[in-house]
N, C-alpha and C. Protein backbone atom coordinates (compact mmCIF):
# COMPACT_ATOMS: atom_id res chain seq x y z
N MET A 1 92.35 141.91 80.03
CA MET A 1 92.44 141.50 78.38
C MET A 1 91.87 140.53 78.34
N ALA A 2 90.89 139.97 77.58
CA ALA A 2 90.71 138.64 76.74
C ALA A 2 91.91 138.01 76.29
N GLU A 3 92.41 136.94 76.38
CA GLU A 3 93.04 136.37 75.02
C GLU A 3 92.90 135.33 73.90
N ASN A 4 92.99 135.61 72.96
CA ASN A 4 92.45 134.79 71.84
C ASN A 4 93.20 133.68 71.79
N ARG A 5 92.57 132.45 72.16
CA ARG A 5 93.24 131.34 71.89
C ARG A 5 92.50 130.61 70.44
N THR A 6 93.04 129.96 69.81
CA THR A 6 92.53 129.23 68.39
C THR A 6 92.67 127.42 68.71
N ALA A 7 92.29 126.43 68.44
CA ALA A 7 92.61 125.56 68.31
C ALA A 7 92.14 124.88 67.18
N ILE A 8 92.95 123.83 66.59
CA ILE A 8 92.48 122.72 65.75
C ILE A 8 92.21 121.41 66.06
N VAL A 9 90.83 121.09 65.58
CA VAL A 9 90.70 119.74 66.39
C VAL A 9 90.39 118.84 65.01
N THR A 10 91.80 117.84 65.03
CA THR A 10 91.35 116.49 64.09
C THR A 10 90.23 115.66 64.42
N GLY A 11 89.33 115.08 63.67
CA GLY A 11 88.25 114.56 63.97
C GLY A 11 87.27 114.87 64.61
N ALA A 12 86.71 116.05 64.28
CA ALA A 12 85.97 116.72 65.45
C ALA A 12 84.66 116.26 64.71
N GLY A 13 84.35 115.62 64.23
CA GLY A 13 83.03 115.46 63.46
C GLY A 13 82.42 114.02 64.50
N LYS A 14 83.43 113.26 65.32
CA LYS A 14 82.79 112.35 65.82
C LYS A 14 83.41 112.20 67.34
N ARG A 15 83.21 111.20 68.09
CA ARG A 15 83.27 110.65 69.47
C ARG A 15 83.91 111.80 70.10
N VAL A 16 85.67 111.54 70.71
CA VAL A 16 86.20 112.04 71.31
C VAL A 16 86.95 113.28 70.88
N GLY A 17 87.02 113.84 69.25
CA GLY A 17 87.33 114.83 68.78
C GLY A 17 86.16 115.58 68.84
N ALA A 18 84.91 115.38 68.71
CA ALA A 18 83.72 115.90 68.68
C ALA A 18 83.53 116.64 70.09
N HIS A 19 83.77 116.04 71.18
CA HIS A 19 83.89 116.23 72.72
C HIS A 19 84.59 116.84 73.01
N VAL A 20 86.33 116.94 72.63
CA VAL A 20 87.58 118.17 72.67
C VAL A 20 86.85 119.30 71.94
N ALA A 21 86.51 119.37 70.56
CA ALA A 21 85.86 120.92 70.13
C ALA A 21 84.94 121.34 70.81
N ARG A 22 83.82 120.53 71.61
CA ARG A 22 82.50 120.90 72.08
C ARG A 22 83.55 122.15 73.22
N SER A 23 83.98 121.60 74.21
CA SER A 23 84.69 121.55 75.17
C SER A 23 85.38 122.99 75.32
N LEU A 24 86.30 123.09 73.96
CA LEU A 24 86.85 124.27 73.91
C LEU A 24 86.24 125.56 73.38
N VAL A 25 85.30 125.18 72.44
CA VAL A 25 84.39 126.36 72.19
C VAL A 25 83.36 126.53 73.58
N ALA A 26 83.32 125.93 74.58
CA ALA A 26 82.44 126.36 75.44
C ALA A 26 83.39 126.99 76.47
N ASP A 27 84.63 126.86 76.28
CA ASP A 27 85.36 127.61 77.23
C ASP A 27 86.25 128.70 76.46
N GLY A 28 85.61 129.15 75.39
CA GLY A 28 86.24 130.50 74.68
C GLY A 28 86.84 130.31 73.67
N TRP A 29 87.19 129.16 73.09
CA TRP A 29 88.32 129.11 72.32
C TRP A 29 87.48 129.61 70.93
N ALA A 30 88.50 129.62 70.08
CA ALA A 30 87.91 130.13 68.36
C ALA A 30 88.67 128.26 67.67
N VAL A 31 87.71 127.64 67.39
CA VAL A 31 88.01 126.23 67.14
C VAL A 31 87.73 126.15 65.69
N VAL A 32 88.81 125.80 64.98
CA VAL A 32 88.63 125.00 63.52
C VAL A 32 88.41 123.30 63.77
N ALA A 33 87.44 122.95 63.27
CA ALA A 33 87.09 121.26 63.35
C ALA A 33 86.72 120.62 62.16
N HIS A 34 88.06 119.97 62.14
CA HIS A 34 88.49 119.18 61.04
C HIS A 34 87.46 117.98 60.98
N VAL A 35 86.85 117.64 59.78
CA VAL A 35 86.27 116.40 59.33
C VAL A 35 86.71 116.09 58.09
N HIS A 36 86.23 114.86 57.64
CA HIS A 36 86.79 113.93 56.55
C HIS A 36 85.86 114.41 55.37
N ARG A 37 84.55 114.20 55.81
CA ARG A 37 83.39 114.58 54.41
C ARG A 37 82.50 115.87 54.77
N GLU A 38 82.41 116.20 53.99
CA GLU A 38 81.50 118.02 53.67
C GLU A 38 80.14 117.85 54.64
N ASP A 39 79.51 116.39 54.68
CA ASP A 39 78.46 116.13 55.39
C ASP A 39 78.06 115.88 56.88
N ASP A 40 79.40 115.73 57.27
CA ASP A 40 80.07 115.13 58.49
C ASP A 40 79.66 116.79 59.79
N ALA A 41 78.79 116.61 60.61
CA ALA A 41 78.77 117.85 61.41
C ALA A 41 79.90 118.01 62.43
N VAL A 42 79.87 119.66 62.47
CA VAL A 42 80.91 119.67 63.76
C VAL A 42 80.06 120.39 64.86
N PRO A 43 80.56 120.45 65.59
CA PRO A 43 80.08 121.21 67.22
C PRO A 43 79.37 122.81 66.86
N ASP A 44 78.27 123.08 67.26
CA ASP A 44 77.97 124.53 67.25
C ASP A 44 79.19 125.31 67.37
N GLY A 45 79.26 126.60 67.02
CA GLY A 45 80.22 127.55 67.39
C GLY A 45 81.79 127.03 66.97
N ALA A 46 82.13 126.09 66.19
CA ALA A 46 83.20 125.63 65.64
C ALA A 46 83.24 125.79 64.01
N ILE A 47 84.50 126.06 63.60
CA ILE A 47 84.40 126.53 62.04
C ILE A 47 84.79 124.99 61.14
N LYS A 48 84.11 124.41 60.40
CA LYS A 48 84.20 123.49 59.86
C LYS A 48 85.28 123.46 58.42
N ALA A 49 86.69 122.36 58.91
CA ALA A 49 87.52 122.41 57.59
C ALA A 49 87.75 120.81 57.20
N VAL A 50 87.18 121.12 56.19
CA VAL A 50 87.05 119.61 55.55
C VAL A 50 88.24 119.38 54.79
N ALA A 51 89.28 117.99 55.07
CA ALA A 51 90.28 117.62 54.50
C ALA A 51 90.50 116.13 54.59
N ASP A 52 90.95 115.20 53.78
CA ASP A 52 91.33 113.86 53.83
C ASP A 52 93.17 113.64 54.40
N LEU A 53 92.95 113.38 55.72
CA LEU A 53 94.52 113.05 56.43
C LEU A 53 95.10 112.47 55.66
N ALA A 54 94.92 111.76 54.77
CA ALA A 54 96.06 110.86 54.18
C ALA A 54 96.53 111.72 52.86
N ASP A 55 96.09 112.79 52.38
CA ASP A 55 96.40 113.46 51.38
C ASP A 55 97.52 114.52 52.02
N PRO A 56 98.49 114.23 51.91
CA PRO A 56 99.70 115.58 52.27
C PRO A 56 99.47 116.64 52.32
N ALA A 57 98.51 116.92 51.52
CA ALA A 57 98.33 118.30 51.28
C ALA A 57 97.03 118.91 52.20
N CYS A 58 96.57 118.47 53.00
CA CYS A 58 95.51 118.62 53.81
C CYS A 58 95.72 119.48 54.84
N GLY A 59 97.33 119.63 55.09
CA GLY A 59 97.16 120.85 55.95
C GLY A 59 96.84 121.88 55.57
N GLY A 60 97.37 122.27 54.47
CA GLY A 60 97.32 123.42 53.45
C GLY A 60 95.46 124.33 53.85
N THR A 61 94.77 122.66 53.96
CA THR A 61 93.32 123.20 53.65
C THR A 61 92.71 123.66 54.98
N ILE A 62 93.66 123.12 56.03
CA ILE A 62 93.02 123.26 57.45
C ILE A 62 93.46 124.13 58.13
N PHE A 63 94.99 124.63 57.39
CA PHE A 63 95.15 125.91 57.85
C PHE A 63 94.92 127.04 57.20
N ALA A 64 94.27 126.88 55.78
CA ALA A 64 93.87 128.15 55.04
C ALA A 64 92.31 128.47 55.90
N THR A 65 91.63 127.42 56.57
CA THR A 65 90.36 127.29 57.05
C THR A 65 90.49 128.35 58.53
N ASN A 66 92.17 127.95 58.98
CA ASN A 66 92.39 129.00 60.65
C ASN A 66 92.65 130.16 59.73
N ALA A 67 93.12 130.72 58.93
CA ALA A 67 93.25 131.85 58.32
C ALA A 67 92.17 132.56 58.31
N ARG A 68 91.39 132.26 57.32
CA ARG A 68 90.18 132.77 56.96
C ARG A 68 89.16 132.96 58.13
N MET A 69 89.21 132.21 59.26
CA MET A 69 88.62 132.26 60.42
C MET A 69 89.11 133.71 61.15
N ILE A 70 90.69 133.68 61.22
CA ILE A 70 91.32 134.70 62.21
C ILE A 70 91.05 136.05 61.21
N ASP A 71 91.41 136.08 60.15
CA ASP A 71 91.13 137.34 59.08
C ASP A 71 89.77 137.82 59.38
N SER A 72 88.65 137.05 59.31
CA SER A 72 87.11 137.62 59.78
C SER A 72 87.01 138.07 61.16
N CYS A 73 88.00 138.03 61.83
CA CYS A 73 87.87 138.19 63.43
C CYS A 73 88.56 139.61 63.48
N ALA A 74 89.77 139.79 63.36
CA ALA A 74 90.97 140.53 63.68
C ALA A 74 91.99 141.05 62.85
N PRO A 75 92.55 141.87 62.43
CA PRO A 75 93.73 141.94 61.53
C PRO A 75 94.76 141.44 62.20
N ILE A 76 95.72 141.05 61.31
CA ILE A 76 96.97 140.20 62.23
C ILE A 76 98.09 140.91 61.02
N PRO A 77 98.95 140.91 62.21
CA PRO A 77 100.14 141.77 61.79
C PRO A 77 101.05 141.34 60.50
N THR A 78 101.57 141.97 59.76
CA THR A 78 102.47 141.04 58.48
C THR A 78 103.81 140.72 59.27
N PRO A 79 104.06 139.79 59.24
CA PRO A 79 105.62 139.11 59.96
C PRO A 79 106.60 139.84 58.78
N HIS A 80 107.82 139.83 59.51
CA HIS A 80 109.06 140.06 58.39
C HIS A 80 109.48 139.16 58.00
N LYS A 81 109.88 137.91 58.84
CA LYS A 81 109.74 136.55 58.02
C LYS A 81 108.67 135.42 57.96
N THR A 82 108.17 134.90 56.97
CA THR A 82 107.66 133.99 57.51
C THR A 82 108.05 132.45 57.17
N THR A 83 107.27 131.58 58.04
CA THR A 83 108.08 130.10 58.03
C THR A 83 106.89 129.51 57.99
N PRO A 84 106.87 128.34 57.15
CA PRO A 84 105.70 127.20 56.90
C PRO A 84 105.33 126.81 58.61
N PRO A 85 104.26 126.34 58.65
CA PRO A 85 103.65 125.76 59.85
C PRO A 85 104.37 124.49 60.30
N MET A 86 104.34 124.17 61.27
CA MET A 86 105.01 122.77 61.22
C MET A 86 104.01 121.84 61.87
N MET A 87 103.87 121.04 61.19
CA MET A 87 102.82 119.76 61.33
C MET A 87 103.61 118.52 62.63
N ILE A 88 102.77 118.22 63.57
CA ILE A 88 102.79 117.09 64.51
C ILE A 88 102.35 116.32 64.47
């Protein structure tokens, strides 16, 4: 059975972040590619999430993009208890 894996890559429009995102997509990961501006490109196969990391609410934008991607791929069971995502 194939394992579903999702990665959120910040700075995925440039340099190291773009390389990491491309490598993950090539390895079969679902990738949410964070960029700072709408016109920033992301690697083919990644889903773009535009957010300003200086904004404390940016995590909500990035995680909402991830949730939309997951919702479009497969149903997610409703948890009995929800906890907010941890930012690292």
